[in-house]
Every structure is written in structure tokens, then in C-alpha cells.
Amino acid sequence: MMEAWMNTISPHVRLVKIVKSSSLSGEWIDFDHVFTYIEQGEADFVLNGVKYLAKEGDLFLMPPLLPHIIRTTSDVPLIQYIVHFDLHYDEIRSGWKETGLINEQTRQVPEREKALDAVFPVSHLRKVDRIDLKRRFLLLQKIFLDEGSNRDLMAKAIGIELLCFFLKGQNGSNEQEGKMTKGWGVLEKSINFINEHYADTGLDNVTISEHAGVSTNHLSFLFKEQLNITIHKYLTHVRIEQAKAKIIEGHKTLTAIAEEVGFSSIHLFSRSFKTTVGITPSQFFAAHSTIRKDI
């Protein structure tokens, strides 16, 4: 049945990247599918409240709008091979380049993009299959970066191959029991509240914990235990991610963006942005000028 369904899809590959992180902790949500291969290291993947231990050789497939938290758990740097894709080509969606940009339009997921929602999200590859997968991934990355005339067609073919690797590794994968994260209900409520009210310059730990219905100390403990991050740093992470999306859109000044995402001053915004991203907002703006033209 799955083989027959595979004959009906026409993947559109949006982004191909390799991410190396010595220390990673955060929450993401994307409007497209995210295929992730763990090349090295270990991490907790929390998918919609269920925690899975990610280790070398594991594959994760996250459907659109699935909240996922990733936190490294070993001293070995985490290396992820990541592909963002749609199951089917769509003229409008193909123009969406910034994968983390969630708005009213990108929240509307077509029914045909929900086909893998019920699939168990984890696979584990045998070592012989890992070599083949890495070869296909690196070829896909080369094709994606070269931007040749047949790029989309060749990327589509390899995209189907990567899905086949994932499905092949499913045998016995669902025996790896995922465990509901301790305090997930409180964390999810807090995370949603932060994402809805990050623009409020007065948003603080007390307000967030009151909304979640727990003490500030307990909420701080949950953030530190499950995400290895403070509430304040997570709030800053959300604000910076929103600012990055607005900078890429290129329609507003940095001062206006700083105010819109909840910073009390442009100076605090610039300092926080450089600490988090590694470059100033102005440098980020310049570096993404090409992306803005494409959107």
C-alpha cells in the first residue's frame, strides 16, 4: 500500500543542509516536512510532547506544523543531515524559502501534505544503509547548491529515495517506545503563550508561569530540565527568530522590528541579536538580501 502511494508523490525539495551543534536546545515548528538523519552525537527529540532518544543512524520525519524540541545530551557534537520538502509541487508553496516563517498563509496545510501525519516518526538504519543514504544526501546537497537547469527534477528523484530509506528503516522502529515528556502540558502551554505574546515588552517569567498555572520556580525547573535553557533565553530565542523572519521580508526598519518583537530598545535588540546569531542585525540583513529578492 505504501509503495503504491509512493508512486503518486512528486516531492519539492526546499532546503538541504548539514547542521553541526556542540550545544543545542530549542523548539521549532515548520510549515513543510523535515527529514533529519543523525550522523553523529545524541539528543532528545520531543515531538508533540513525546520524547525520543536520537542517536547515530536514526532518521526522523516530522510532518508540517509538528512542534519539535531538540536538546543535545552528549559531549559529542550533534551532526544532522536535514532536508525540508513538500510531498507535492505547488506553485505558490514552492516560492516559500524561509522554512521557519509561520503565518496565517503557511499554517494552511493542503490535505495531500498530511499523508504522513500518522507514520511513526523514527527509523533506525543499518550501517550498510547509512553509507548509501549519506552518498545520496551529499549528492542532493551538491545538486541543490549548484542550482543547475535540472535541479528540481534531480532533487525530486533523490527526495523519493530518502523517503524509501526512512520507510525501510521503519521495521521494528516503533518498538522504540517514546515517553511523554515530564511536565509537557505545562511546557506546551508556556511555549504557546510565549509564541503568542512575545511582542509584549513586559512579558516576564512571572506572567508566563501564572498563565501556565504553576510557580515561577517550578516552570524554571521544567525549562532547565527538559530544554536545558532558561525561560528568559527561550523568550529571547523566539523574539530573535521572529526578528530574523521580518528582516528577511525587508519591509521595515530594524528599529520598528525591534519594537514589534518585544525589545524595549534598538540597543538591547542589537546586543541580543549578535549574542544569539553571531552577527549584527545589519549584517544579517545584508547577508540575506538575495533571499529577499527571491521571496
Protein backbone atom coordinates (compact mmCIF):
# COMPACT_ATOMS: atom_id res chain seq x y z
CA MET A 1 0.00 0.00 0.00
CA MET A 2 2.80 2.42 0.91
CA GLU A 3 4.65 1.50 -2.28
CA ALA A 4 1.57 2.37 -4.33
CA TRP A 5 1.26 5.70 -2.52
CA MET A 6 4.94 6.48 -3.20
CA ASN A 7 4.14 6.32 -6.92
CA THR A 8 1.74 9.25 -6.53
CA ILE A 9 4.05 11.81 -4.91
CA SER A 10 6.23 14.44 -6.55
CA PRO A 11 8.47 15.91 -3.82
CA HIS A 12 9.59 19.53 -3.94
CA VAL A 13 12.88 19.94 -2.06
CA ARG A 14 13.03 23.36 -0.39
CA LEU A 15 16.23 23.23 1.65
CA VAL A 16 19.20 20.89 2.13
CA LYS A 17 21.70 21.49 4.91
CA ILE A 18 24.13 19.91 7.37
CA VAL A 19 23.96 21.32 10.89
CA LYS A 20 26.69 20.74 13.49
CA SER A 21 25.89 21.80 17.06
CA SER A 22 28.09 21.45 20.12
CA SER A 23 25.21 22.58 22.31
CA LEU A 24 21.66 22.80 21.02
CA SER A 25 18.40 23.45 22.81
CA GLY A 26 15.27 24.92 21.29
CA GLU A 27 11.81 24.46 19.85
CA TRP A 28 10.94 24.61 16.16
CA ILE A 29 7.84 24.40 14.00
CA ASP A 30 7.92 24.33 10.19
CA PHE A 31 5.26 24.54 7.50
CA ASP A 32 6.82 21.69 5.50
CA HIS A 33 8.16 18.18 6.11
CA VAL A 34 11.54 17.89 7.85
CA PHE A 35 13.71 14.83 7.18
CA THR A 36 16.62 14.53 9.63
CA TYR A 37 19.43 11.97 9.70
CA ILE A 38 21.64 11.79 12.79
CA GLU A 39 25.20 11.43 11.57
CA GLN A 40 26.85 11.88 14.97
CA GLY A 41 26.03 12.59 18.60
CA GLU A 42 22.93 12.13 20.73
CA ALA A 43 19.95 14.31 21.53
CA ASP A 44 16.44 14.27 22.91
CA PHE A 45 13.83 14.84 20.22
CA VAL A 46 10.48 15.83 21.72
CA LEU A 47 7.80 15.51 19.05
CA ASN A 48 4.43 16.83 20.13
CA GLY A 49 5.25 16.01 23.74
CA VAL A 50 6.74 12.54 23.19
CA LYS A 51 10.48 12.18 23.83
CA TYR A 52 12.76 10.01 21.67
CA LEU A 53 16.48 9.48 22.14
CA ALA A 54 18.19 10.35 18.85
CA LYS A 55 21.50 8.66 18.15
CA GLU A 56 23.80 7.90 15.24
CA GLY A 57 21.95 6.15 12.42
CA ASP A 58 18.49 7.41 13.38
CA LEU A 59 16.12 9.09 10.95
CA PHE A 60 13.33 11.45 11.94
CA LEU A 61 10.46 12.52 9.72
CA MET A 62 8.40 15.43 11.01
CA PRO A 63 5.23 16.45 9.14
CA PRO A 64 4.15 20.09 8.69
CA LEU A 65 3.38 22.12 11.82
CA LEU A 66 4.61 19.41 14.21
CA PRO A 67 6.18 21.15 17.24
CA HIS A 68 9.60 19.64 17.88
CA ILE A 69 12.10 20.32 20.63
CA ILE A 70 15.73 19.24 20.25
CA ARG A 71 18.25 19.14 23.08
CA THR A 72 21.74 17.66 22.82
CA THR A 73 22.56 15.10 25.53
CA SER A 74 26.22 14.21 24.94
CA ASP A 75 29.58 15.96 24.72
CA VAL A 76 29.99 14.77 21.13
CA PRO A 77 28.78 17.48 18.69
CA LEU A 78 25.41 16.68 17.12
CA ILE A 79 25.56 16.48 13.32
CA GLN A 80 22.22 16.48 11.48
CA TYR A 81 21.62 15.99 7.75
CA ILE A 82 18.40 17.91 7.12
CA VAL A 83 16.03 18.17 4.16
CA HIS A 84 12.93 20.37 4.08
CA PHE A 85 10.41 19.31 1.45
CA ASP A 86 6.78 19.15 0.33
CA LEU A 87 5.31 15.84 -0.82
CA HIS A 88 3.90 17.56 -3.91
CA TYR A 89 4.96 20.52 -6.01
CA ASP A 90 2.78 23.59 -5.62
CA GLU A 91 3.49 26.82 -7.48
CA ILE A 92 2.70 29.07 -4.52
CA ARG A 93 4.37 26.96 -1.82
CA SER A 94 7.48 26.50 -3.97
CA GLY A 95 8.14 30.22 -3.57
CA TRP A 96 8.32 29.99 0.21
CA LYS A 97 12.03 29.92 1.01
CA GLU A 98 12.24 30.69 4.74
CA THR A 99 11.19 27.41 6.36
CA GLY A 100 10.57 28.71 9.87
CA LEU A 101 8.24 31.53 8.76
CA ILE A 102 4.85 30.64 10.26
CA ASN A 103 1.94 32.93 9.45
CA GLU A 104 -1.72 32.70 8.50
CA GLN A 105 -0.87 31.57 4.98
CA THR A 106 1.77 28.96 5.82
CA ARG A 107 -0.45 27.46 8.54
CA GLN A 108 -2.88 26.30 5.83
CA VAL A 109 -1.57 22.79 5.09
CA PRO A 110 -3.10 21.10 1.98
CA GLU A 111 -4.72 17.73 2.65
CA ARG A 112 -2.29 15.91 0.37
CA GLU A 113 0.60 17.18 2.54
CA LYS A 114 -0.89 15.38 5.56
CA ALA A 115 -0.39 11.88 4.16
CA LEU A 116 2.47 11.04 6.56
CA ASP A 117 0.93 12.53 9.71
CA ALA A 118 0.16 9.08 11.17
CA VAL A 119 3.51 7.47 10.26
CA PHE A 120 5.76 6.59 13.20
CA PRO A 121 8.34 9.42 13.15
CA VAL A 122 11.53 7.45 13.83
CA SER A 123 13.57 4.94 11.81
CA HIS A 124 16.92 3.32 12.51
CA LEU A 125 19.22 2.41 9.64
CA ARG A 126 21.63 -0.49 9.41
CA LYS A 127 25.25 0.56 8.89
CA VAL A 128 25.28 -0.61 5.28
CA ASP A 129 22.25 1.59 4.53
CA ARG A 130 23.80 4.58 6.30
CA ILE A 131 26.62 4.70 3.76
CA ASP A 132 24.19 4.68 0.85
CA LEU A 133 21.97 7.31 2.45
CA LYS A 134 24.90 9.66 3.07
CA ARG A 135 26.01 9.32 -0.54
CA ARG A 136 22.54 10.21 -1.78
CA PHE A 137 22.24 13.10 0.66
CA LEU A 138 25.60 14.60 -0.31
CA LEU A 139 24.66 14.31 -3.99
CA LEU A 140 21.36 16.02 -3.22
CA GLN A 141 23.18 18.83 -1.42
CA LYS A 142 25.54 19.30 -4.38
CA ILE A 143 22.60 19.42 -6.80
CA PHE A 144 20.75 21.85 -4.56
CA LEU A 145 23.72 24.22 -4.22
CA ASP A 146 24.69 24.07 -7.91
CA GLU A 147 21.26 25.36 -9.00
CA GLY A 148 21.55 23.69 -12.41
CA SER A 149 18.78 23.66 -15.01
CA ASN A 150 17.50 20.23 -13.93
CA ARG A 151 17.96 20.81 -10.20
CA ASP A 152 14.32 20.39 -9.15
CA LEU A 153 13.87 17.21 -11.19
CA MET A 154 17.03 15.55 -9.86
CA ALA A 155 16.27 16.68 -6.30
CA LYS A 156 12.80 15.18 -6.61
CA ALA A 157 14.26 11.79 -7.54
CA ILE A 158 16.65 11.74 -4.58
CA GLY A 159 13.89 13.01 -2.29
CA ILE A 160 11.89 9.88 -3.10
CA GLU A 161 14.98 7.76 -2.40
CA LEU A 162 15.42 9.35 1.02
CA LEU A 163 11.79 8.59 1.89
CA CYS A 164 12.42 4.98 0.84
CA PHE A 165 15.38 4.83 3.24
CA PHE A 166 13.12 6.11 6.02
CA LEU A 167 10.39 3.57 5.31
CA LYS A 168 12.94 0.76 5.01
CA GLY A 169 14.29 1.62 8.45
CA GLN A 170 10.80 1.52 9.95
CA ASN A 171 10.94 -2.23 10.55
CA GLY A 172 10.95 -2.56 14.32
CA SER A 173 11.36 1.18 14.87
CA ASN A 174 8.02 1.55 16.61
CA GLU A 175 9.31 -0.83 19.25
CA GLN A 176 11.41 2.11 20.49
CA GLU A 177 8.90 3.46 22.95
CA GLY A 178 8.59 7.21 23.06
CA LYS A 179 7.83 8.55 26.51
CA MET A 180 5.60 11.51 27.25
CA THR A 181 7.85 14.31 28.46
CA LYS A 182 7.56 15.14 32.15
CA GLY A 183 5.56 18.31 32.56
CA TRP A 184 4.91 18.58 28.80
CA GLY A 185 1.42 20.01 29.30
CA VAL A 186 2.83 22.89 31.33
CA LEU A 187 5.74 23.40 28.92
CA GLU A 188 3.47 23.36 25.88
CA LYS A 189 1.10 25.85 27.47
CA SER A 190 4.03 28.12 28.33
CA ILE A 191 5.62 27.80 24.88
CA ASN A 192 2.33 28.60 23.15
CA PHE A 193 1.80 31.61 25.41
CA ILE A 194 5.31 32.90 24.68
CA ASN A 195 4.79 32.48 20.93
CA GLU A 196 1.53 34.41 21.14
CA HIS A 197 2.75 37.25 23.39
CA TYR A 198 6.48 37.65 22.62
CA ALA A 199 5.77 41.18 21.27
CA ASP A 200 4.81 42.35 24.77
CA THR A 201 7.88 44.11 26.21
CA GLY A 202 6.52 43.46 29.72
CA LEU A 203 6.34 39.69 29.26
CA ASP A 204 8.32 38.05 32.07
CA ASN A 205 8.75 34.77 33.95
CA VAL A 206 6.02 35.60 36.46
CA THR A 207 3.42 36.35 33.78
CA ILE A 208 4.29 33.19 31.86
CA SER A 209 4.20 30.93 34.93
CA GLU A 210 0.88 32.44 36.07
CA HIS A 211 -0.64 31.61 32.70
CA ALA A 212 0.75 28.05 32.91
CA GLY A 213 -0.73 27.64 36.39
CA VAL A 214 2.49 26.81 38.21
CA SER A 215 5.02 28.66 40.31
CA THR A 216 7.83 30.54 38.61
CA ASN A 217 10.39 28.29 40.29
CA HIS A 218 8.68 25.12 39.03
CA LEU A 219 8.39 26.44 35.48
CA SER A 220 12.04 27.48 35.54
CA PHE A 221 12.92 23.96 36.69
CA LEU A 222 10.94 22.38 33.83
CA PHE A 223 12.57 24.60 31.20
CA LYS A 224 16.03 23.84 32.57
CA GLU A 225 15.41 20.10 32.95
CA GLN A 226 13.66 19.46 29.63
CA LEU A 227 15.12 22.16 27.36
CA ASN A 228 18.37 22.96 29.16
CA ILE A 229 17.53 26.64 28.81
CA THR A 230 16.09 29.40 30.99
CA ILE A 231 12.64 30.86 30.36
CA HIS A 232 14.21 34.21 29.52
CA LYS A 233 16.61 32.69 26.99
CA TYR A 234 13.78 30.81 25.35
CA LEU A 235 11.74 34.02 25.10
CA THR A 236 14.76 35.74 23.56
CA HIS A 237 15.12 32.81 21.11
CA VAL A 238 11.51 33.27 19.94
CA ARG A 239 11.91 37.04 19.59
CA ILE A 240 15.13 36.69 17.58
CA GLU A 241 13.59 34.06 15.27
CA GLN A 242 10.64 36.36 14.61
CA ALA A 243 13.02 39.26 14.02
CA LYS A 244 15.04 37.22 11.51
CA ALA A 245 11.88 36.46 9.53
CA LYS A 246 10.88 40.14 9.49
CA ILE A 247 14.38 41.24 8.45
CA ILE A 248 14.31 38.78 5.55
CA GLU A 249 10.96 40.19 4.41
CA GLY A 250 12.79 43.53 4.12
CA HIS A 251 9.81 45.83 4.55
CA LYS A 252 10.59 47.53 7.88
CA THR A 253 13.42 49.29 9.67
CA LEU A 254 15.42 47.49 12.33
CA THR A 255 14.06 49.90 14.96
CA ALA A 256 10.48 49.04 14.00
CA ILE A 257 11.28 45.30 14.01
CA ALA A 258 12.90 45.52 17.44
CA GLU A 259 9.75 47.09 18.83
CA GLU A 260 7.43 44.61 17.07
CA VAL A 261 9.20 41.56 18.54
CA GLY A 262 9.23 42.84 22.11
CA PHE A 263 12.59 44.57 22.68
CA SER A 264 12.43 47.77 24.70
CA SER A 265 15.22 49.42 22.70
CA ILE A 266 17.20 49.02 19.49
CA HIS A 267 20.39 48.76 21.54
CA LEU A 268 19.09 45.79 23.56
CA PHE A 269 17.83 44.20 20.35
CA SER A 270 21.18 44.58 18.58
CA ARG A 271 23.11 43.20 21.55
CA SER A 272 20.77 40.22 21.99
CA PHE A 273 20.74 39.52 18.24
CA LYS A 274 24.53 39.45 17.96
CA THR A 275 24.86 37.25 21.06
CA THR A 276 22.33 34.77 19.68
CA VAL A 277 23.06 34.79 15.94
CA GLY A 278 26.74 35.78 15.96
CA ILE A 279 26.32 38.81 13.69
CA THR A 280 24.53 42.14 14.00
CA PRO A 281 21.02 42.68 12.60
CA SER A 282 22.50 44.91 9.87
CA GLN A 283 24.93 42.19 8.83
CA PHE A 284 22.10 39.63 8.81
CA PHE A 285 20.05 41.98 6.63
CA ALA A 286 22.90 42.31 4.13
CA ALA A 287 23.64 38.57 4.08
CA HIS A 288 20.02 37.74 3.21
CA SER A 289 19.47 40.35 0.53
CA THR A 290 19.47 37.64 -2.15
CA ILE A 291 16.84 35.63 -0.29
CA ARG A 292 14.59 38.70 -0.02
CA LYS A 293 14.68 39.14 -3.79
CA ASP A 294 13.63 35.52 -4.33
CA ILE A 295 10.62 35.60 -1.97
